[in-house]
């Protein structure tokens, strides 16, 4: 078959699926934003990047932005059709940025499959979840409805969809959920595995080894959506109880999902101003964003890994930490409960209960007698259901090939 991937940050969620389909003899191309510099063995073409618009405050701002990107994507697709005679049997795209909106007008006969990452909802998800930062106001719900418009349209157009977790699939309304197949992106459990000899070299030259008293926290950006504020407020009690523990945080100073604080340049600055005076900062290490290999060493070294999240998209980092055999203390929120059973393959604490979080982290750092069993169960949970090569990738390939015409 001829298969076209569309993603503004390709390979995005498809770093394994696209090359695997190519290896099976399909003609695979990708269409991405001209500014995307990520590498892939798949031949990649680029469309013109959209020009940022300045319509702050407009209710339809997000749809306008996404439709503009969809238009530029469609123009790139039209050039691919008219200049190169390319007619895909299957299009696989991420609708989150509007790129799939007009592709059926270019190739009406193609099967359109989309990645159903999450449907924004006015209740029960992130909106209004954190009263400190996201008050439950009518205006917030209005904006959420408005910014869902392009996702609804993309799902209506799609012939099928794939979601990585049941929680994410269930975020879509029943009328659209029937189109969604749940298959996780997959964790390479051969690569992401425990290593009793793991070591992490900090920027100051200090070496942390597996077995040391290390607490890890990982997020693309250090922000409230991933509980950074809750974690930082729990640290003074942790440090007081564990005077030799080192805390290592990985994540950028910007925001990936929420907004910046109004009274500081970053959430890190804001929380350090709030609690930094009660911390021994010589034992708190902010590494910013790091190469993947450094991140892997951190989750292998950590005696305790903390993962907190709003009811939102589940991070790969949680599942990779589990695959690495980490003792995970995580928020008792719906997406996490799909992966962690409290006391069996991790520890769950209420998201907003700072004292409970501190107590759970201290328990893990001082040596929970159940830690070996919990670590082993965490590893097994991922290896026996979310393994890339043995489970997820074969199911993804079968799902794609079942939707097209081979031959």
Protein backbone atom coordinates (compact mmCIF):
# COMPACT_ATOMS: atom_id res chain seq x y z
CA UNK A 1 0.00 0.00 0.00
CA UNK A 2 0.88 3.67 -0.22
CA UNK A 3 0.80 5.17 3.25
CA UNK A 4 1.19 8.83 4.17
CA UNK A 5 1.95 9.98 7.72
CA UNK A 6 1.04 13.56 8.62
CA UNK A 7 2.44 15.12 11.79
CA UNK A 8 3.86 18.59 12.40
CA UNK A 9 6.61 17.05 14.54
CA UNK A 10 7.05 13.76 12.65
CA UNK A 11 7.80 11.06 13.65
CA UNK A 12 5.88 12.18 16.77
CA UNK A 13 3.95 9.19 18.05
CA UNK A 14 5.00 7.07 15.04
CA UNK A 15 8.78 6.53 15.35
CA UNK A 16 8.36 2.76 15.25
CA UNK A 17 5.18 2.26 13.22
CA UNK A 18 6.22 4.23 10.13
CA UNK A 19 9.58 2.44 9.61
CA UNK A 20 7.98 -0.93 10.41
CA UNK A 21 5.37 -0.46 7.68
CA UNK A 22 8.11 0.57 5.26
CA UNK A 23 10.08 -2.56 6.17
CA UNK A 24 7.02 -4.65 5.30
CA UNK A 25 7.14 -3.39 1.71
CA UNK A 26 4.67 -0.52 1.83
CA UNK A 27 5.52 2.79 0.18
CA UNK A 28 5.66 5.16 3.14
CA UNK A 29 5.99 8.95 3.03
CA UNK A 30 5.62 11.61 5.70
CA UNK A 31 4.41 15.21 5.51
CA UNK A 32 5.54 17.61 8.23
CA UNK A 33 6.13 21.25 9.12
CA UNK A 34 9.08 22.82 7.29
CA UNK A 35 10.63 23.79 10.64
CA UNK A 36 10.68 20.22 11.95
CA UNK A 37 14.25 18.91 12.01
CA UNK A 38 13.64 15.53 13.61
CA UNK A 39 15.20 12.61 11.75
CA UNK A 40 13.47 9.51 10.41
CA UNK A 41 14.36 6.74 7.96
CA UNK A 42 11.05 7.51 6.25
CA UNK A 43 11.19 9.91 3.30
CA UNK A 44 9.82 13.18 4.64
CA UNK A 45 8.32 16.11 2.74
CA UNK A 46 7.50 19.50 4.26
CA UNK A 47 4.71 22.02 4.02
CA UNK A 48 5.01 25.75 4.63
CA UNK A 49 4.88 26.62 8.33
CA UNK A 50 1.92 28.78 9.38
CA UNK A 51 2.44 32.40 10.35
CA UNK A 52 1.51 33.06 13.99
CA UNK A 53 -1.70 35.06 14.32
CA UNK A 54 -2.49 37.68 16.94
CA UNK A 55 -6.11 37.16 17.89
CA UNK A 56 -5.68 36.91 21.66
CA UNK A 57 -8.94 36.61 23.49
CA UNK A 58 -10.99 35.53 20.51
CA UNK A 59 -13.15 32.49 21.26
CA UNK A 60 -12.44 31.02 17.84
CA UNK A 61 -8.70 31.68 17.98
CA UNK A 62 -7.68 28.04 18.32
CA UNK A 63 -9.89 26.85 15.47
CA UNK A 64 -8.58 29.67 13.28
CA UNK A 65 -4.99 28.67 14.03
CA UNK A 66 -5.63 24.98 13.43
CA UNK A 67 -7.61 25.58 10.23
CA UNK A 68 -4.74 27.69 8.91
CA UNK A 69 -2.31 24.85 9.53
CA UNK A 70 -4.78 22.45 7.96
CA UNK A 71 -4.93 24.65 4.87
CA UNK A 72 -1.15 24.75 4.50
CA UNK A 73 -0.98 20.99 5.01
CA UNK A 74 -3.63 20.49 2.33
CA UNK A 75 -1.70 22.68 -0.10
CA UNK A 76 1.38 20.55 0.50
CA UNK A 77 -0.73 17.43 -0.02
CA UNK A 78 -2.14 18.86 -3.26
CA UNK A 79 1.39 19.44 -4.56
CA UNK A 80 2.23 15.86 -3.65
CA UNK A 81 -0.81 14.71 -5.62
CA UNK A 82 -0.54 16.99 -8.66
CA UNK A 83 3.22 17.22 -9.12
CA UNK A 84 4.21 13.73 -8.07
CA UNK A 85 1.07 11.71 -8.73
CA UNK A 86 0.95 10.37 -5.19
CA UNK A 87 -2.39 8.86 -4.15
CA UNK A 88 -2.17 7.21 -0.71
CA UNK A 89 -4.30 4.23 0.20
CA UNK A 90 -4.05 5.22 3.87
CA UNK A 91 -3.37 8.53 5.61
CA UNK A 92 -2.30 8.36 9.27
CA UNK A 93 -2.27 11.69 11.06
CA UNK A 94 -2.41 13.46 14.40
CA UNK A 95 -5.41 15.81 14.33
CA UNK A 96 -4.28 17.87 17.32
CA UNK A 97 -2.95 20.75 15.23
CA UNK A 98 -5.56 20.68 12.46
CA UNK A 99 -3.38 19.01 9.84
CA UNK A 100 -5.94 16.38 8.82
CA UNK A 101 -8.90 18.77 8.41
CA UNK A 102 -8.83 19.07 4.62
CA UNK A 103 -6.95 15.98 3.48
CA UNK A 104 -10.14 14.15 2.48
CA UNK A 105 -10.72 16.93 -0.05
CA UNK A 106 -7.38 16.14 -1.67
CA UNK A 107 -7.71 12.36 -1.51
CA UNK A 108 -11.40 11.50 -0.98
CA UNK A 109 -10.81 7.79 -1.64
CA UNK A 110 -8.04 7.39 0.92
CA UNK A 111 -8.68 5.79 4.31
CA UNK A 112 -8.03 8.40 7.00
CA UNK A 113 -6.77 7.12 10.35
CA UNK A 114 -6.08 9.52 13.22
CA UNK A 115 -4.30 9.41 16.56
CA UNK A 116 -6.97 10.08 19.19
CA UNK A 117 -4.74 11.52 21.89
CA UNK A 118 -7.39 13.30 23.97
CA UNK A 119 -10.71 15.12 23.64
CA UNK A 120 -10.90 18.25 25.73
CA UNK A 121 -13.79 18.13 28.19
CA UNK A 122 -15.39 20.84 30.27
CA UNK A 123 -15.80 18.60 33.31
CA UNK A 124 -13.93 15.64 34.74
CA UNK A 125 -10.54 16.36 33.17
CA UNK A 126 -8.09 19.21 33.60
CA UNK A 127 -10.58 22.10 33.43
CA UNK A 128 -11.41 23.14 36.98
CA UNK A 129 -9.35 20.28 38.46
CA UNK A 130 -6.85 22.51 40.26
CA UNK A 131 -8.78 25.32 41.98
CA UNK A 132 -5.57 27.17 42.75
CA UNK A 133 -4.70 27.59 39.07
CA UNK A 134 -7.76 26.61 37.03
CA UNK A 135 -10.93 27.92 38.68
CA UNK A 136 -14.15 26.26 37.51
CA UNK A 137 -15.62 29.18 35.62
CA UNK A 138 -18.09 29.35 32.76
CA UNK A 139 -15.57 31.17 30.56
CA UNK A 140 -13.07 28.32 30.92
CA UNK A 141 -15.68 25.84 29.82
CA UNK A 142 -16.70 28.03 26.87
CA UNK A 143 -13.08 28.15 25.70
CA UNK A 144 -12.72 24.39 26.11
CA UNK A 145 -15.74 23.76 23.91
CA UNK A 146 -14.35 26.13 21.30
CA UNK A 147 -10.90 24.54 21.22
CA UNK A 148 -12.43 21.09 20.81
CA UNK A 149 -14.12 21.99 17.50
CA UNK A 150 -11.29 20.89 15.22
CA UNK A 151 -10.89 17.59 17.10
CA UNK A 152 -14.58 16.77 16.72
CA UNK A 153 -14.43 17.60 13.02
CA UNK A 154 -11.31 15.48 12.54
CA UNK A 155 -12.90 12.50 14.28
CA UNK A 156 -16.08 12.78 12.23
CA UNK A 157 -14.01 12.73 9.04
CA UNK A 158 -11.82 9.82 10.16
CA UNK A 159 -12.42 6.24 9.08
CA UNK A 160 -10.73 4.97 12.21
CA UNK A 161 -8.69 6.13 15.18
CA UNK A 162 -6.15 4.77 17.63
CA UNK A 163 -5.66 5.83 21.26
CA UNK A 164 -2.80 4.76 23.55
CA UNK A 165 -4.85 4.21 26.72
CA UNK A 166 -8.44 3.47 27.67
CA UNK A 167 -8.62 6.71 29.63
CA UNK A 168 -7.67 8.72 26.55
CA UNK A 169 -10.12 6.82 24.34
CA UNK A 170 -12.89 7.35 26.86
CA UNK A 171 -12.34 11.11 26.78
CA UNK A 172 -14.19 11.12 23.46
CA UNK A 173 -18.00 11.19 23.40
CA UNK A 174 -19.78 7.87 22.80
CA UNK A 175 -20.75 8.89 19.28
CA UNK A 176 -17.07 9.00 18.32
CA UNK A 177 -15.60 6.44 20.68
CA UNK A 178 -16.77 3.53 18.54
CA UNK A 179 -14.18 4.52 15.94
CA UNK A 180 -11.29 4.19 18.39
CA UNK A 181 -9.04 1.16 18.86
CA UNK A 182 -6.89 1.19 22.01
CA UNK A 183 -3.27 0.21 21.35
CA UNK A 184 -0.44 1.84 23.24
CA UNK A 185 2.55 3.35 21.41
CA UNK A 186 4.70 0.69 23.07
CA UNK A 187 7.66 0.67 25.46
CA UNK A 188 10.97 -0.84 24.40
CA UNK A 189 11.38 -3.04 27.47
CA UNK A 190 14.63 -4.45 26.13
CA UNK A 191 16.21 -1.00 26.25
CA UNK A 192 14.27 0.39 29.19
CA UNK A 193 15.15 -2.14 31.85
CA UNK A 194 16.60 -2.25 35.37
CA UNK A 195 20.36 -1.87 35.66
CA UNK A 196 21.92 -2.50 39.10
CA UNK A 197 25.15 -0.92 37.86
CA UNK A 198 23.54 2.29 36.57
CA UNK A 199 25.21 5.59 37.36
CA UNK A 200 24.23 9.20 36.79
CA UNK A 201 26.87 11.92 36.60
CA UNK A 202 25.51 15.28 37.73
CA UNK A 203 26.74 18.58 36.22
CA UNK A 204 28.88 19.24 39.32
CA UNK A 205 30.68 15.92 38.81
CA UNK A 206 28.91 14.07 41.62
CA UNK A 207 28.10 10.47 40.72
CA UNK A 208 24.84 8.88 41.82
CA UNK A 209 24.57 5.09 41.63
CA UNK A 210 21.75 2.57 41.73
CA UNK A 211 21.04 1.95 45.42
CA UNK A 212 21.79 5.52 46.46
CA UNK A 213 19.06 7.56 48.09
CA UNK A 214 17.80 9.33 44.97
CA UNK A 215 14.36 10.79 44.29
CA UNK A 216 13.57 11.52 40.63
CA UNK A 217 10.95 13.73 39.02
CA UNK A 218 10.58 13.94 35.23
CA UNK A 219 8.37 16.12 33.08
CA UNK A 220 8.80 17.72 29.66
CA UNK A 221 8.19 21.03 31.41
CA UNK A 222 8.16 21.71 35.14
CA UNK A 223 4.57 22.90 35.45
CA UNK A 224 1.37 22.31 37.45
CA UNK A 225 -0.22 19.95 34.88
CA UNK A 226 2.40 17.43 35.99
CA UNK A 227 2.16 18.35 39.66
CA UNK A 228 5.42 20.24 39.91
CA UNK A 229 3.96 22.65 42.48
CA UNK A 230 2.70 19.78 44.63
CA UNK A 231 6.06 18.00 44.42
CA UNK A 232 8.09 21.06 45.37
CA UNK A 233 5.89 21.80 48.38
CA UNK A 234 6.38 18.22 49.58
CA UNK A 235 10.19 18.42 49.44
CA UNK A 236 10.95 20.30 52.69
CA UNK A 237 9.43 17.50 54.77
CA UNK A 238 11.19 14.88 52.65
CA UNK A 239 14.56 16.54 53.06
CA UNK A 240 14.07 16.98 56.79
CA UNK A 241 13.31 13.28 57.22
CA UNK A 242 15.98 12.08 54.77
CA UNK A 243 19.04 14.33 55.23
CA UNK A 244 21.18 12.40 52.76
CA UNK A 245 18.68 12.06 49.91
CA UNK A 246 19.33 13.74 46.57
CA UNK A 247 16.46 15.02 44.44
CA UNK A 248 16.98 15.13 40.67
CA UNK A 249 14.46 16.92 38.46
CA UNK A 250 14.39 16.73 34.66
CA UNK A 251 12.27 19.19 32.69
CA UNK A 252 12.33 22.54 30.94
CA UNK A 253 11.46 25.89 32.44
CA UNK A 254 8.68 26.60 29.94
CA UNK A 255 5.15 25.21 29.70
CA UNK A 256 3.86 22.38 27.55
CA UNK A 257 0.19 22.40 28.52
CA UNK A 258 -0.72 25.13 30.97
CA UNK A 259 0.12 28.80 31.22
CA UNK A 260 3.09 30.59 32.76
CA UNK A 261 2.74 32.02 36.27
CA UNK A 262 1.71 35.65 36.37
CA UNK A 263 4.24 36.63 39.02
CA UNK A 264 7.40 34.80 37.90
CA UNK A 265 9.33 33.92 34.76
CA UNK A 266 8.75 30.20 35.27
CA UNK A 267 7.08 27.77 37.64
CA UNK A 268 10.52 26.73 38.85
CA UNK A 269 11.30 30.30 39.82
CA UNK A 270 7.93 30.69 41.49
CA UNK A 271 8.20 27.52 43.57
CA UNK A 272 11.79 28.16 44.53
CA UNK A 273 10.75 31.60 45.77
CA UNK A 274 8.00 29.91 47.79
CA UNK A 275 9.82 26.94 49.32
CA UNK A 276 13.50 27.36 48.41
CA UNK A 277 14.31 28.87 51.78
CA UNK A 278 13.26 25.61 53.44
CA UNK A 279 15.31 23.40 51.11
CA UNK A 280 18.91 22.27 51.08
CA UNK A 281 19.48 23.23 47.45
CA UNK A 282 22.83 21.46 47.39
CA UNK A 283 20.79 18.25 47.31
CA UNK A 284 18.23 19.43 44.73
CA UNK A 285 19.48 19.14 41.16
CA UNK A 286 17.62 20.71 38.22
CA UNK A 287 18.93 19.16 34.99
CA UNK A 288 16.61 20.92 32.50
CA UNK A 289 15.89 18.72 29.47
CA UNK A 290 18.49 16.02 28.97
CA UNK A 291 19.49 13.48 26.31
CA UNK A 292 17.46 10.28 26.39
CA UNK A 293 20.38 8.24 27.69
CA UNK A 294 20.82 10.52 30.69
CA UNK A 295 17.12 10.30 31.47
CA UNK A 296 17.29 6.49 31.32
CA UNK A 297 20.17 6.44 33.78
CA UNK A 298 18.19 8.64 36.16
CA UNK A 299 15.14 6.38 36.30
CA UNK A 300 17.42 3.34 36.71
CA UNK A 301 19.33 4.99 39.55
CA UNK A 302 16.37 6.43 41.46
CA UNK A 303 15.28 4.72 44.65
CA UNK A 304 11.93 6.50 44.28
CA UNK A 305 10.38 8.01 41.17
CA UNK A 306 7.55 10.53 41.61
CA UNK A 307 4.94 11.01 38.89
CA UNK A 308 2.04 13.42 39.30
CA UNK A 309 -0.50 14.52 36.72
CA UNK A 310 -3.83 16.23 36.29
CA UNK A 311 -6.51 14.05 34.65
CA UNK A 312 -4.84 14.39 31.26
CA UNK A 313 -2.65 12.59 28.73
CA UNK A 314 -0.51 9.95 30.42
CA UNK A 315 3.26 10.50 30.08
CA UNK A 316 5.54 7.92 28.53
CA UNK A 317 7.91 8.65 31.42
CA UNK A 318 5.63 6.89 33.91
CA UNK A 319 5.54 3.69 31.90
CA UNK A 320 9.26 3.84 31.15
CA UNK A 321 10.01 4.29 34.84
CA UNK A 322 7.88 1.23 35.57
CA UNK A 323 9.66 -0.72 32.82
CA UNK A 324 12.96 0.24 34.44
CA UNK A 325 11.73 -1.34 37.67
CA UNK A 326 11.20 1.92 39.52
CA UNK A 327 9.44 2.27 42.85
CA UNK A 328 6.84 4.80 41.71
CA UNK A 329 4.87 7.16 43.92
CA UNK A 330 2.16 8.66 41.75
CA UNK A 331 -0.99 10.73 41.90
CA UNK A 332 -4.27 8.90 42.40
CA UNK A 333 -5.78 10.36 39.23
CA UNK A 334 -7.75 8.48 36.61
CA UNK A 335 -5.10 8.10 33.88
CA UNK A 336 -2.58 6.81 36.44
CA UNK A 337 -5.02 4.29 37.93
CA UNK A 338 -5.12 2.56 34.55
CA UNK A 339 -1.45 1.64 35.04
CA UNK A 340 -0.84 1.50 38.79
CA UNK A 341 -2.62 -0.53 41.45
CA UNK A 342 -1.84 0.93 44.84
CA UNK A 343 0.43 -1.28 46.91
CA UNK A 344 0.96 -3.78 44.09
CA UNK A 345 3.02 -2.13 41.35
CA UNK A 346 3.34 1.36 42.82
CA UNK A 347 2.03 3.74 45.46
CA UNK A 348 -0.83 6.17 44.85
CA UNK A 349 -1.55 9.33 46.82
CA UNK A 350 -4.26 11.98 46.37
CA UNK A 351 -2.97 14.67 44.00
CA UNK A 352 -3.50 17.59 46.39
CA UNK A 353 -2.46 15.85 49.62
CA UNK A 354 1.05 17.22 50.18
CA UNK A 355 1.62 15.53 53.56
CA UNK A 356 0.56 12.17 52.11
CA UNK A 357 2.94 12.65 49.22
CA UNK A 358 5.81 13.53 51.56
CA UNK A 359 5.06 10.48 53.71
CA UNK A 360 4.97 8.15 50.68
CA UNK A 361 8.24 9.53 49.30
CA UNK A 362 9.92 9.21 52.71
CA UNK A 363 8.65 5.65 53.05
CA UNK A 364 10.20 4.74 49.72
CA UNK A 365 13.49 6.50 50.38
CA UNK A 366 14.00 4.95 53.81
CA UNK A 367 13.41 1.47 52.39
CA UNK A 368 9.86 0.18 52.05
CA UNK A 369 9.98 -3.58 52.83
CA UNK A 370 7.59 -4.13 49.92
CA UNK A 371 9.79 -2.21 47.47
CA UNK A 372 11.38 -5.25 45.74
CA UNK A 373 7.97 -6.81 45.03
CA UNK A 374 6.52 -3.49 43.87
CA UNK A 375 9.47 -2.85 41.56
CA UNK A 376 9.21 -6.31 40.02
CA UNK A 377 5.45 -5.97 39.55
CA UNK A 378 5.92 -2.55 37.90
CA UNK A 379 8.32 -4.06 35.39
CA UNK A 380 5.99 -7.00 34.72
CA UNK A 381 3.00 -4.69 34.20
CA UNK A 382 4.72 -3.04 31.25
CA UNK A 383 6.53 -6.07 29.87
CA UNK A 384 3.32 -8.12 29.74
CA UNK A 385 0.95 -5.79 27.94
CA UNK A 386 2.79 -2.71 26.70
CA UNK A 387 5.97 -4.14 25.21
CA UNK A 388 6.81 -2.53 21.89
CA UNK A 389 8.16 -5.47 19.89
CA UNK A 390 6.14 -8.25 21.46
CA UNK A 391 2.73 -6.64 21.69
CA UNK A 392 2.04 -3.06 20.66
CA UNK A 393 3.86 -2.72 17.35
CA UNK A 394 2.47 -5.96 15.84
CA UNK A 395 -1.02 -4.87 16.87
CA UNK A 396 -0.51 -1.42 15.35
CA UNK A 397 0.69 -2.93 12.07
CA UNK A 398 -2.25 -5.31 11.94
CA UNK A 399 -4.64 -2.44 12.66
CA UNK A 400 -3.26 -0.35 9.80
CA UNK A 401 -3.09 -3.16 7.29
CA UNK A 402 -6.62 -4.30 8.10
CA UNK A 403 -7.91 -0.85 7.10
CA UNK A 404 -6.38 -0.82 3.62
CA UNK A 405 -6.22 -2.79 0.42
CA UNK A 406 -3.00 -4.73 -0.05
CA UNK A 407 -1.97 -5.78 -3.54
